[in-house]
Amino acid sequence: TPIPPVQVFGIFVSIGVMLAWVWTLTFIPAAIMLFPERWLEGL
């Protein structure tokens, strides 16, 4: 688009979406592994 603030908005939301994807794949499994085993017993 020919509107600079909209360009910045679109580009950095895109960057944020891919950051969310990367950290979801890496951090969420790591966080679950850090849980004490007793936290998961109820599941």
PDB file of all heavy atoms in Angstrom:
ATOM      1  N   THR A   1       0.842  -1.197   0.000  1.00  0.00           N
ATOM      2  CA  THR A   1       0.000   0.000   0.000  1.00  0.00           C
ATOM      3  C   THR A   1       0.876   1.246   0.000  1.00  0.00           C
ATOM      4  O   THR A   1       2.006   1.229   0.486  1.00  0.00           O
ATOM      5  CB  THR A   1      -0.912   0.035   1.243  1.00  0.00           C
ATOM      6  OG1 THR A   1      -0.090   0.141   2.414  1.00  0.00           O
ATOM      7  CG2 THR A   1      -1.751  -1.211   1.342  1.00  0.00           C
ATOM      8  N   PRO A   2       0.371   2.361  -0.538  1.00  0.00           N
ATOM      9  CA  PRO A   2       1.168   3.605  -0.575  1.00  0.00           C
ATOM     10  C   PRO A   2       1.065   4.432   0.700  1.00  0.00           C
ATOM     11  O   PRO A   2       1.216   5.645   0.667  1.00  0.00           O
ATOM     12  CB  PRO A   2       0.563   4.343  -1.767  1.00  0.00           C
ATOM     13  CG  PRO A   2      -0.869   3.931  -1.752  1.00  0.00           C
ATOM     14  CD  PRO A   2      -0.903   2.502  -1.268  1.00  0.00           C
ATOM     15  N   ILE A   3       0.762   3.777   1.829  1.00  0.00           N
ATOM     16  CA  ILE A   3       0.588   4.491   3.102  1.00  0.00           C
ATOM     17  C   ILE A   3       1.658   3.990   4.069  1.00  0.00           C
ATOM     18  O   ILE A   3       1.573   2.849   4.543  1.00  0.00           O
ATOM     19  CB  ILE A   3      -0.823   4.247   3.677  1.00  0.00           C
ATOM     20  CG1 ILE A   3      -1.888   4.595   2.631  1.00  0.00           C
ATOM     21  CG2 ILE A   3      -1.038   5.045   4.955  1.00  0.00           C
ATOM     22  CD1 ILE A   3      -3.299   4.248   3.056  1.00  0.00           C
ATOM     23  N   PRO A   4       2.681   4.794   4.368  1.00  0.00           N
ATOM     24  CA  PRO A   4       3.816   4.319   5.182  1.00  0.00           C
ATOM     25  C   PRO A   4       3.429   3.683   6.516  1.00  0.00           C
ATOM     26  O   PRO A   4       3.940   2.601   6.834  1.00  0.00           O
ATOM     27  CB  PRO A   4       4.659   5.585   5.372  1.00  0.00           C
ATOM     28  CG  PRO A   4       4.355   6.415   4.171  1.00  0.00           C
ATOM     29  CD  PRO A   4       2.910   6.160   3.859  1.00  0.00           C
ATOM     30  N   PRO A   5       2.560   4.278   7.343  1.00  0.00           N
ATOM     31  CA  PRO A   5       2.234   3.621   8.619  1.00  0.00           C
ATOM     32  C   PRO A   5       1.569   2.261   8.440  1.00  0.00           C
ATOM     33  O   PRO A   5       1.783   1.351   9.245  1.00  0.00           O
ATOM     34  CB  PRO A   5       1.277   4.622   9.298  1.00  0.00           C
ATOM     35  CG  PRO A   5       1.598   5.924   8.676  1.00  0.00           C
ATOM     36  CD  PRO A   5       1.940   5.611   7.262  1.00  0.00           C
ATOM     37  N   VAL A   6       0.770   2.111   7.379  1.00  0.00           N
ATOM     38  CA  VAL A   6       0.132   0.824   7.117  1.00  0.00           C
ATOM     39  C   VAL A   6       1.183  -0.194   6.671  1.00  0.00           C
ATOM     40  O   VAL A   6       1.104  -1.379   7.021  1.00  0.00           O
ATOM     41  CB  VAL A   6      -0.982   0.979   6.061  1.00  0.00           C
ATOM     42  CG1 VAL A   6      -1.582  -0.381   5.711  1.00  0.00           C
ATOM     43  CG2 VAL A   6      -2.071   1.905   6.575  1.00  0.00           C
ATOM     44  N   GLN A   7       2.177   0.260   5.914  1.00  0.00           N
ATOM     45  CA  GLN A   7       3.265  -0.627   5.508  1.00  0.00           C
ATOM     46  C   GLN A   7       4.012  -1.154   6.735  1.00  0.00           C
ATOM     47  O   GLN A   7       4.280  -2.358   6.842  1.00  0.00           O
ATOM     48  CB  GLN A   7       4.231   0.124   4.593  1.00  0.00           C
ATOM     49  CG  GLN A   7       3.640   0.512   3.247  1.00  0.00           C
ATOM     50  CD  GLN A   7       4.579   1.394   2.441  1.00  0.00           C
ATOM     51  OE1 GLN A   7       5.540   1.949   2.977  1.00  0.00           O
ATOM     52  NE2 GLN A   7       4.307   1.535   1.157  1.00  0.00           N
ATOM     53  N   VAL A   8       4.351  -0.260   7.646  1.00  0.00           N
ATOM     54  CA  VAL A   8       5.057  -0.668   8.871  1.00  0.00           C
ATOM     55  C   VAL A   8       4.213  -1.644   9.667  1.00  0.00           C
ATOM     56  O   VAL A   8       4.700  -2.665  10.161  1.00  0.00           O
ATOM     57  CB  VAL A   8       5.411   0.579   9.718  1.00  0.00           C
ATOM     58  CG1 VAL A   8       5.971   0.171  11.075  1.00  0.00           C
ATOM     59  CG2 VAL A   8       6.416   1.456   8.970  1.00  0.00           C
ATOM     60  N   PHE A   9       2.929  -1.335   9.781  1.00  0.00           N
ATOM     61  CA  PHE A   9       2.012  -2.209  10.520  1.00  0.00           C
ATOM     62  C   PHE A   9       2.010  -3.613   9.924  1.00  0.00           C
ATOM     63  O   PHE A   9       2.171  -4.607  10.642  1.00  0.00           O
ATOM     64  CB  PHE A   9       0.610  -1.606  10.492  1.00  0.00           C
ATOM     65  CG  PHE A   9      -0.454  -2.504  11.050  1.00  0.00           C
ATOM     66  CD1 PHE A   9      -0.642  -2.622  12.417  1.00  0.00           C
ATOM     67  CD2 PHE A   9      -1.281  -3.235  10.205  1.00  0.00           C
ATOM     68  CE1 PHE A   9      -1.631  -3.447  12.935  1.00  0.00           C
ATOM     69  CE2 PHE A   9      -2.268  -4.058  10.709  1.00  0.00           C
ATOM     70  CZ  PHE A   9      -2.441  -4.167  12.073  1.00  0.00           C
ATOM     71  N   GLY A  10       1.828  -3.712   8.619  1.00  0.00           N
ATOM     72  CA  GLY A  10       1.755  -5.020   7.977  1.00  0.00           C
ATOM     73  C   GLY A  10       3.036  -5.813   8.107  1.00  0.00           C
ATOM     74  O   GLY A  10       3.021  -7.016   8.413  1.00  0.00           O
ATOM     75  N   ILE A  11       4.178  -5.146   7.908  1.00  0.00           N
ATOM     76  CA  ILE A  11       5.467  -5.839   7.955  1.00  0.00           C
ATOM     77  C   ILE A  11       5.743  -6.400   9.344  1.00  0.00           C
ATOM     78  O   ILE A  11       6.134  -7.562   9.506  1.00  0.00           O
ATOM     79  CB  ILE A  11       6.596  -4.882   7.517  1.00  0.00           C
ATOM     80  CG1 ILE A  11       6.475  -4.588   6.015  1.00  0.00           C
ATOM     81  CG2 ILE A  11       7.976  -5.482   7.826  1.00  0.00           C
ATOM     82  CD1 ILE A  11       7.402  -3.497   5.538  1.00  0.00           C
ATOM     83  N   PHE A  12       5.513  -5.593  10.371  1.00  0.00           N
ATOM     84  CA  PHE A  12       5.903  -6.034  11.709  1.00  0.00           C
ATOM     85  C   PHE A  12       4.871  -6.966  12.344  1.00  0.00           C
ATOM     86  O   PHE A  12       5.235  -7.779  13.199  1.00  0.00           O
ATOM     87  CB  PHE A  12       6.195  -4.828  12.597  1.00  0.00           C
ATOM     88  CG  PHE A  12       7.542  -4.227  12.313  1.00  0.00           C
ATOM     89  CD1 PHE A  12       7.669  -3.162  11.436  1.00  0.00           C
ATOM     90  CD2 PHE A  12       8.682  -4.760  12.877  1.00  0.00           C
ATOM     91  CE1 PHE A  12       8.910  -2.626  11.145  1.00  0.00           C
ATOM     92  CE2 PHE A  12       9.932  -4.231  12.589  1.00  0.00           C
ATOM     93  CZ  PHE A  12      10.045  -3.164  11.718  1.00  0.00           C
ATOM     94  N   VAL A  13       3.615  -6.891  11.940  1.00  0.00           N
ATOM     95  CA  VAL A  13       2.686  -7.929  12.379  1.00  0.00           C
ATOM     96  C   VAL A  13       3.096  -9.264  11.766  1.00  0.00           C
ATOM     97  O   VAL A  13       3.043 -10.312  12.428  1.00  0.00           O
ATOM     98  CB  VAL A  13       1.234  -7.574  12.004  1.00  0.00           C
ATOM     99  CG1 VAL A  13       0.315  -8.769  12.238  1.00  0.00           C
ATOM    100  CG2 VAL A  13       0.740  -6.403  12.835  1.00  0.00           C
ATOM    101  N   SER A  14       3.535  -9.231  10.511  1.00  0.00           N
ATOM    102  CA  SER A  14       4.018 -10.459   9.864  1.00  0.00           C
ATOM    103  C   SER A  14       5.216 -11.034  10.610  1.00  0.00           C
ATOM    104  O   SER A  14       5.298 -12.249  10.838  1.00  0.00           O
ATOM    105  CB  SER A  14       4.399 -10.162   8.412  1.00  0.00           C
ATOM    106  OG  SER A  14       3.299  -9.672   7.684  1.00  0.00           O
ATOM    107  N   ILE A  15       6.142 -10.169  10.987  1.00  0.00           N
ATOM    108  CA  ILE A  15       7.296 -10.626  11.765  1.00  0.00           C
ATOM    109  C   ILE A  15       6.846 -11.217  13.094  1.00  0.00           C
ATOM    110  O   ILE A  15       7.327 -12.274  13.530  1.00  0.00           O
ATOM    111  CB  ILE A  15       8.273  -9.458  11.994  1.00  0.00           C
ATOM    112  CG1 ILE A  15       8.905  -9.033  10.662  1.00  0.00           C
ATOM    113  CG2 ILE A  15       9.365  -9.843  12.997  1.00  0.00           C
ATOM    114  CD1 ILE A  15       9.762  -7.787  10.755  1.00  0.00           C
ATOM    115  N   GLY A  16       5.902 -10.559  13.756  1.00  0.00           N
ATOM    116  CA  GLY A  16       5.393 -11.064  15.031  1.00  0.00           C
ATOM    117  C   GLY A  16       4.713 -12.412  14.893  1.00  0.00           C
ATOM    118  O   GLY A  16       4.839 -13.274  15.776  1.00  0.00           O
ATOM    119  N   VAL A  17       3.996 -12.626  13.784  1.00  0.00           N
ATOM    120  CA  VAL A  17       3.326 -13.914  13.562  1.00  0.00           C
ATOM    121  C   VAL A  17       4.352 -15.035  13.439  1.00  0.00           C
ATOM    122  O   VAL A  17       4.188 -16.121  14.023  1.00  0.00           O
ATOM    123  CB  VAL A  17       2.445 -13.845  12.294  1.00  0.00           C
ATOM    124  CG1 VAL A  17       1.942 -15.238  11.908  1.00  0.00           C
ATOM    125  CG2 VAL A  17       1.258 -12.912  12.524  1.00  0.00           C
ATOM    126  N   MET A  18       5.430 -14.790  12.711  1.00  0.00           N
ATOM    127  CA  MET A  18       6.447 -15.835  12.546  1.00  0.00           C
ATOM    128  C   MET A  18       7.239 -16.052  13.835  1.00  0.00           C
ATOM    129  O   MET A  18       7.648 -17.181  14.136  1.00  0.00           O
ATOM    130  CB  MET A  18       7.382 -15.481  11.395  1.00  0.00           C
ATOM    131  CG  MET A  18       6.702 -15.463  10.033  1.00  0.00           C
ATOM    132  SD  MET A  18       5.647 -16.921   9.708  1.00  0.00           S
ATOM    133  CE  MET A  18       6.865 -18.251   9.744  1.00  0.00           C
ATOM    134  N   LEU A  19       7.450 -14.988  14.603  1.00  0.00           N
ATOM    135  CA  LEU A  19       8.077 -15.168  15.916  1.00  0.00           C
ATOM    136  C   LEU A  19       7.195 -16.041  16.806  1.00  0.00           C
ATOM    137  O   LEU A  19       7.691 -16.915  17.533  1.00  0.00           O
ATOM    138  CB  LEU A  19       8.314 -13.805  16.577  1.00  0.00           C
ATOM    139  CG  LEU A  19       9.478 -12.960  16.054  1.00  0.00           C
ATOM    140  CD1 LEU A  19       9.452 -11.581  16.714  1.00  0.00           C
ATOM    141  CD2 LEU A  19      10.808 -13.643  16.321  1.00  0.00           C
ATOM    142  N   ALA A  20       5.888 -15.787  16.743  1.00  0.00           N
ATOM    143  CA  ALA A  20       4.954 -16.600  17.541  1.00  0.00           C
ATOM    144  C   ALA A  20       5.033 -18.063  17.124  1.00  0.00           C
ATOM    145  O   ALA A  20       4.986 -18.969  17.979  1.00  0.00           O
ATOM    146  CB  ALA A  20       3.528 -16.065  17.368  1.00  0.00           C
ATOM    147  N   TRP A  21       5.154 -18.320  15.821  1.00  0.00           N
ATOM    148  CA  TRP A  21       5.250 -19.697  15.336  1.00  0.00           C
ATOM    149  C   TRP A  21       6.526 -20.374  15.851  1.00  0.00           C
ATOM    150  O   TRP A  21       6.493 -21.499  16.357  1.00  0.00           O
ATOM    151  CB  TRP A  21       5.223 -19.699  13.809  1.00  0.00           C
ATOM    152  CG  TRP A  21       5.451 -21.041  13.193  1.00  0.00           C
ATOM    153  CD1 TRP A  21       4.569 -22.084  13.153  1.00  0.00           C
ATOM    154  CD2 TRP A  21       6.645 -21.485  12.552  1.00  0.00           C
ATOM    155  NE1 TRP A  21       5.132 -23.158  12.517  1.00  0.00           N
ATOM    156  CE2 TRP A  21       6.417 -22.828  12.132  1.00  0.00           C
ATOM    157  CE3 TRP A  21       7.873 -20.909  12.273  1.00  0.00           C
ATOM    158  CZ2 TRP A  21       7.374 -23.576  11.458  1.00  0.00           C
ATOM    159  CZ3 TRP A  21       8.832 -21.646  11.596  1.00  0.00           C
ATOM    160  CH2 TRP A  21       8.579 -22.966  11.200  1.00  0.00           C
ATOM    161  N   VAL A  22       7.663 -19.667  15.738  1.00  0.00           N
ATOM    162  CA  VAL A  22       8.949 -20.239  16.163  1.00  0.00           C
ATOM    163  C   VAL A  22       8.934 -20.571  17.649  1.00  0.00           C
ATOM    164  O   VAL A  22       9.303 -21.685  18.068  1.00  0.00           O
ATOM    165  CB  VAL A  22      10.105 -19.266  15.839  1.00  0.00           C
ATOM    166  CG1 VAL A  22      11.400 -19.739  16.501  1.00  0.00           C
ATOM    167  CG2 VAL A  22      10.296 -19.157  14.336  1.00  0.00           C
ATOM    168  N   TRP A  23       8.486 -19.617  18.466  1.00  0.00           N
ATOM    169  CA  TRP A  23       8.544 -19.838  19.912  1.00  0.00           C
ATOM    170  C   TRP A  23       7.476 -20.820  20.377  1.00  0.00           C
ATOM    171  O   TRP A  23       7.657 -21.502  21.392  1.00  0.00           O
ATOM    172  CB  TRP A  23       8.408 -18.514  20.653  1.00  0.00           C
ATOM    173  CG  TRP A  23       9.572 -17.602  20.453  1.00  0.00           C
ATOM    174  CD1 TRP A  23       9.552 -16.319  20.005  1.00  0.00           C
ATOM    175  CD2 TRP A  23      10.947 -17.910  20.686  1.00  0.00           C
ATOM    176  NE1 TRP A  23      10.816 -15.801  19.931  1.00  0.00           N
ATOM    177  CE2 TRP A  23      11.707 -16.762  20.352  1.00  0.00           C
ATOM    178  CE3 TRP A  23      11.636 -19.034  21.127  1.00  0.00           C
ATOM    179  CZ2 TRP A  23      13.082 -16.698  20.468  1.00  0.00           C
ATOM    180  CZ3 TRP A  23      13.019 -18.987  21.230  1.00  0.00           C
ATOM    181  CH2 TRP A  23      13.736 -17.833  20.909  1.00  0.00           C
ATOM    182  N   THR A  24       6.367 -20.922  19.653  1.00  0.00           N
ATOM    183  CA  THR A  24       5.372 -21.937  20.005  1.00  0.00           C
ATOM    184  C   THR A  24       5.940 -23.336  19.820  1.00  0.00           C
ATOM    185  O   THR A  24       5.760 -24.217  20.668  1.00  0.00           O
ATOM    186  CB  THR A  24       4.103 -21.767  19.149  1.00  0.00           C
ATOM    187  OG1 THR A  24       3.507 -20.498  19.439  1.00  0.00           O
ATOM    188  CG2 THR A  24       3.087 -22.865  19.454  1.00  0.00           C
ATOM    189  N   LEU A  25       6.643 -23.533  18.711  1.00  0.00           N
ATOM    190  CA  LEU A  25       7.219 -24.858  18.437  1.00  0.00           C
ATOM    191  C   LEU A  25       8.358 -25.215  19.388  1.00  0.00           C
ATOM    192  O   LEU A  25       8.606 -26.394  19.648  1.00  0.00           O
ATOM    193  CB  LEU A  25       7.734 -24.917  16.991  1.00  0.00           C
ATOM    194  CG  LEU A  25       6.679 -24.843  15.884  1.00  0.00           C
ATOM    195  CD1 LEU A  25       7.347 -24.933  14.525  1.00  0.00           C
ATOM    196  CD2 LEU A  25       5.637 -25.941  16.039  1.00  0.00           C
ATOM    197  N   THR A  26       9.062 -24.200  19.892  1.00  0.00           N
ATOM    198  CA  THR A  26      10.242 -24.484  20.706  1.00  0.00           C
ATOM    199  C   THR A  26       9.988 -24.312  22.201  1.00  0.00           C
ATOM    200  O   THR A  26      10.366 -25.169  23.008  1.00  0.00           O
ATOM    201  CB  THR A  26      11.405 -23.567  20.271  1.00  0.00           C
ATOM    202  OG1 THR A  26      10.973 -22.190  20.328  1.00  0.00           O
ATOM    203  CG2 THR A  26      11.849 -23.883  18.857  1.00  0.00           C
ATOM    204  N   PHE A  27       9.342 -23.207  22.574  1.00  0.00           N
ATOM    205  CA  PHE A  27       9.216 -22.912  24.008  1.00  0.00           C
ATOM    206  C   PHE A  27       8.109 -23.713  24.675  1.00  0.00           C
ATOM    207  O   PHE A  27       8.260 -24.136  25.831  1.00  0.00           O
ATOM    208  CB  PHE A  27       8.984 -21.421  24.234  1.00  0.00           C
ATOM    209  CG  PHE A  27       8.671 -21.075  25.663  1.00  0.00           C
ATOM    210  CD1 PHE A  27       9.651 -21.196  26.653  1.00  0.00           C
ATOM    211  CD2 PHE A  27       7.402 -20.663  26.043  1.00  0.00           C
ATOM    212  CE1 PHE A  27       9.361 -20.899  27.981  1.00  0.00           C
ATOM    213  CE2 PHE A  27       7.118 -20.361  27.363  1.00  0.00           C
ATOM    214  CZ  PHE A  27       8.089 -20.488  28.327  1.00  0.00           C
ATOM    215  N   ILE A  28       6.982 -23.899  24.001  1.00  0.00           N
ATOM    216  CA  ILE A  28       5.867 -24.607  24.649  1.00  0.00           C
ATOM    217  C   ILE A  28       6.269 -26.028  25.042  1.00  0.00           C
ATOM    218  O   ILE A  28       6.033 -26.456  26.188  1.00  0.00           O
ATOM    219  CB  ILE A  28       4.620 -24.600  23.750  1.00  0.00           C
ATOM    220  CG1 ILE A  28       4.089 -23.173  23.589  1.00  0.00           C
ATOM    221  CG2 ILE A  28       3.534 -25.491  24.338  1.00  0.00           C
ATOM    222  CD1 ILE A  28       3.677 -22.504  24.885  1.00  0.00           C
ATOM    223  N   PRO A  29       6.895 -26.827  24.167  1.00  0.00           N
ATOM    224  CA  PRO A  29       7.375 -28.142  24.621  1.00  0.00           C
ATOM    225  C   PRO A  29       8.398 -28.032  25.752  1.00  0.00           C
ATOM    226  O   PRO A  29       8.375 -28.838  26.700  1.00  0.00           O
ATOM    227  CB  PRO A  29       7.998 -28.749  23.364  1.00  0.00           C
ATOM    228  CG  PRO A  29       7.339 -28.046  22.236  1.00  0.00           C
ATOM    229  CD  PRO A  29       7.107 -26.659  22.707  1.00  0.00           C
ATOM    230  N   ALA A  30       9.296 -27.029  25.663  1.00  0.00           N
ATOM    231  CA  ALA A  30      10.278 -26.853  26.731  1.00  0.00           C
ATOM    232  C   ALA A  30       9.604 -26.518  28.050  1.00  0.00           C
ATOM    233  O   ALA A  30       9.985 -27.027  29.114  1.00  0.00           O
ATOM    234  CB  ALA A  30      11.261 -25.748  26.340  1.00  0.00           C
ATOM    235  N   ALA A  31       8.583 -25.655  28.005  1.00  0.00           N
ATOM    236  CA  ALA A  31       7.880 -25.278  29.237  1.00  0.00           C
ATOM    237  C   ALA A  31       7.175 -26.477  29.849  1.00  0.00           C
ATOM    238  O   ALA A  31       7.194 -26.667  31.080  1.00  0.00           O
ATOM    239  CB  ALA A  31       6.873 -24.166  28.938  1.00  0.00           C
ATOM    240  N   ILE A  32       6.548 -27.312  29.013  1.00  0.00           N
ATOM    241  CA  ILE A  32       5.861 -28.497  29.536  1.00  0.00           C
ATOM    242  C   ILE A  32       6.861 -29.465  30.168  1.00  0.00           C
ATOM    243  O   ILE A  32       6.578 -30.094  31.196  1.00  0.00           O
ATOM    244  CB  ILE A  32       5.068 -29.180  28.402  1.00  0.00           C
ATOM    245  CG1 ILE A  32       3.907 -28.270  27.975  1.00  0.00           C
ATOM    246  CG2 ILE A  32       4.541 -30.536  28.848  1.00  0.00           C
ATOM    247  CD1 ILE A  32       3.119 -28.790  26.796  1.00  0.00           C
ATOM    248  N   MET A  33       8.062 -29.556  29.595  1.00  0.00           N
ATOM    249  CA  MET A  33       9.078 -30.432  30.173  1.00  0.00           C
ATOM    250  C   MET A  33       9.592 -29.914  31.508  1.00  0.00           C
ATOM    251  O   MET A  33      10.090 -30.675  32.342  1.00  0.00           O
ATOM    252  CB  MET A  33      10.253 -30.596  29.197  1.00  0.00           C
ATOM    253  CG  MET A  33       9.939 -31.412  27.965  1.00  0.00           C
ATOM    254  SD  MET A  33       9.306 -33.061  28.358  1.00  0.00           S
ATOM    255  CE  MET A  33      10.674 -33.748  29.277  1.00  0.00           C
ATOM    256  N   LEU A  34       9.471 -28.592  31.726  1.00  0.00           N
ATOM    257  CA  LEU A  34       9.936 -28.012  32.985  1.00  0.00           C
ATOM    258  C   LEU A  34       8.902 -28.156  34.106  1.00  0.00           C
ATOM    259  O   LEU A  34       9.226 -27.907  35.263  1.00  0.00           O
ATOM    260  CB  LEU A  34      10.280 -26.531  32.786  1.00  0.00           C
ATOM    261  CG  LEU A  34      11.513 -26.241  31.913  1.00  0.00           C
ATOM    262  CD1 LEU A  34      11.664 -24.742  31.684  1.00  0.00           C
ATOM    263  CD2 LEU A  34      12.774 -26.803  32.556  1.00  0.00           C
ATOM    264  N   PHE A  35       7.673 -28.519  33.756  1.00  0.00           N
ATOM    265  CA  PHE A  35       6.660 -28.704  34.792  1.00  0.00           C
ATOM    266  C   PHE A  35       7.044 -29.883  35.693  1.00  0.00           C
ATOM    267  O   PHE A  35       7.521 -30.913  35.207  1.00  0.00           O
ATOM    268  CB  PHE A  35       5.293 -29.002  34.177  1.00  0.00           C
ATOM    269  CG  PHE A  35       4.674 -27.850  33.449  1.00  0.00           C
ATOM    270  CD1 PHE A  35       3.761 -28.075  32.434  1.00  0.00           C
ATOM    271  CD2 PHE A  35       4.997 -26.542  33.766  1.00  0.00           C
ATOM    272  CE1 PHE A  35       3.185 -27.024  31.759  1.00  0.00           C
ATOM    273  CE2 PHE A  35       4.434 -25.484  33.097  1.00  0.00           C
ATOM    274  CZ  PHE A  35       3.529 -25.720  32.093  1.00  0.00           C
ATOM    275  N   PRO A  36       6.824 -29.765  36.996  1.00  0.00           N
ATOM    276  CA  PRO A  36       6.967 -30.941  37.857  1.00  0.00           C
ATOM    277  C   PRO A  36       5.997 -32.043  37.424  1.00  0.00           C
ATOM    278  O   PRO A  36       4.879 -31.754  36.986  1.00  0.00           O
ATOM    279  CB  PRO A  36       6.626 -30.407  39.256  1.00  0.00           C
ATOM    280  CG  PRO A  36       6.850 -28.930  39.162  1.00  0.00           C
ATOM    281  CD  PRO A  36       6.506 -28.541  37.757  1.00  0.00           C
ATOM    282  N   GLU A  37       6.421 -33.259  37.559  1.00  0.00           N
ATOM    283  CA  GLU A  37       5.609 -34.387  37.097  1.00  0.00           C
ATOM    284  C   GLU A  37       4.246 -34.428  37.790  1.00  0.00           C
ATOM    285  O   GLU A  37       3.237 -34.804  37.174  1.00  0.00           O
ATOM    286  CB  GLU A  37       6.352 -35.701  37.369  1.00  0.00           C
ATOM    287  CG  GLU A  37       5.742 -36.911  36.684  1.00  0.00           C
ATOM    288  CD  GLU A  37       5.913 -36.871  35.177  1.00  0.00           C
ATOM    289  OE1 GLU A  37       6.978 -36.422  34.713  1.00  0.00           O
ATOM    290  OE2 GLU A  37       4.966 -37.276  34.482  1.00  0.00           O
ATOM    291  N   ARG A  38       4.199 -33.991  39.041  1.00  0.00           N
ATOM    292  CA  ARG A  38       2.928 -34.068  39.787  1.00  0.00           C
ATOM    293  C   ARG A  38       1.878 -33.121  39.194  1.00  0.00           C
ATOM    294  O   ARG A  38       0.681 -33.318  39.380  1.00  0.00           O
ATOM    295  CB  ARG A  38       3.153 -33.727  41.262  1.00  0.00           C
ATOM    296  CG  ARG A  38       3.607 -32.312  41.518  1.00  0.00           C
ATOM    297  CD  ARG A  38       3.805 -32.046  43.022  1.00  0.00           C
ATOM    298  NE  ARG A  38       4.136 -30.669  43.300  1.00  0.00           N
ATOM    299  CZ  ARG A  38       5.372 -30.169  43.217  1.00  0.00           C
ATOM    300  NH1 ARG A  38       6.379 -30.955  42.867  1.00  0.00           N
ATOM    301  NH2 ARG A  38       5.588 -28.893  43.487  1.00  0.00           N
ATOM    302  N   TRP A  39       2.332 -32.051  38.474  1.00  0.00           N
ATOM    303  CA  TRP A  39       1.380 -31.135  37.868  1.00  0.00           C
ATOM    304  C   TRP A  39       0.575 -31.819  36.760  1.00  0.00           C
ATOM    305  O   TRP A  39      -0.533 -31.391  36.442  1.00  0.00           O
ATOM    306  CB  TRP A  39       2.098 -29.917  37.297  1.00  0.00           C
ATOM    307  CG  TRP A  39       2.612 -28.975  38.338  1.00  0.00           C
ATOM    308  CD1 TRP A  39       2.698 -29.211  39.667  1.00  0.00           C
ATOM    309  CD2 TRP A  39       3.093 -27.661  38.123  1.00  0.00           C
ATOM    310  NE1 TRP A  39       3.224 -28.128  40.310  1.00  0.00           N
ATOM    311  CE2 TRP A  39       3.476 -27.142  39.380  1.00  0.00           C
ATOM    312  CE3 TRP A  39       3.260 -26.854  37.007  1.00  0.00           C
ATOM    313  CZ2 TRP A  39       4.011 -25.885  39.539  1.00  0.00           C
ATOM    314  CZ3 TRP A  39       3.785 -25.594  37.150  1.00  0.00           C
ATOM    315  CH2 TRP A  39       4.159 -25.105  38.413  1.00  0.00           C
ATOM    316  N   LEU A  40       1.162 -32.838  36.159  1.00  0.00           N
ATOM    317  CA  LEU A  40       0.515 -33.488  35.025  1.00  0.00           C
ATOM    318  C   LEU A  40      -0.254 -34.743  35.426  1.00  0.00           C
ATOM    319  O   LEU A  40      -0.913 -35.350  34.584  1.00  0.00           O
ATOM    320  CB  LEU A  40       1.561 -33.859  33.964  1.00  0.00           C
ATOM    321  CG  LEU A  40       2.394 -32.696  33.411  1.00  0.00           C
ATOM    322  CD1 LEU A  40       3.449 -33.220  32.461  1.00  0.00           C
ATOM    323  CD2 LEU A  40       1.498 -31.690  32.692  1.00  0.00           C
ATOM    324  N   GLU A  41      -0.149 -35.135  36.677  1.00  0.00           N
ATOM    325  CA  GLU A  41      -0.789 -36.374  37.103  1.00  0.00           C
ATOM    326  C   GLU A  41      -2.298 -36.325  36.914  1.00  0.00           C
ATOM    327  O   GLU A  41      -2.933 -37.320  36.603  1.00  0.00           O
ATOM    328  CB  GLU A  41      -0.452 -36.665  38.568  1.00  0.00           C
ATOM    329  CG  GLU A  41       1.013 -37.035  38.784  1.00  0.00           C
ATOM    330  CD  GLU A  41       1.330 -37.222  40.260  1.00  0.00           C
ATOM    331  OE1 GLU A  41       0.418 -36.974  41.083  1.00  0.00           O
ATOM    332  OE2 GLU A  41       2.470 -37.588  40.576  1.00  0.00           O
ATOM    333  N   GLY A  42      -2.876 -35.175  37.102  1.00  0.00           N
ATOM    334  CA  GLY A  42      -4.325 -35.067  36.993  1.00  0.00           C
ATOM    335  C   GLY A  42      -4.835 -35.224  35.584  1.00  0.00           C
ATOM    336  O   GLY A  42      -6.036 -35.439  35.375  1.00  0.00           O
ATOM    337  N   LEU A  43      -3.950 -35.112  34.572  1.00  0.00           N
ATOM    338  CA  LEU A  43      -4.396 -35.240  33.195  1.00  0.00           C
ATOM    339  C   LEU A  43      -4.410 -36.681  32.723  1.00  0.00           C
ATOM    340  O   LEU A  43      -5.056 -37.010  31.735  1.00  0.00           O
ATOM    341  CB  LEU A  43      -3.462 -34.426  32.267  1.00  0.00           C
ATOM    342  CG  LEU A  43      -3.412 -32.909  32.490  1.00  0.00           C
ATOM    343  CD1 LEU A  43      -2.463 -32.284  31.495  1.00  0.00           C
ATOM    344  CD2 LEU A  43      -4.799 -32.298  32.353  1.00  0.00           C
TER     345      LEU A  43
END
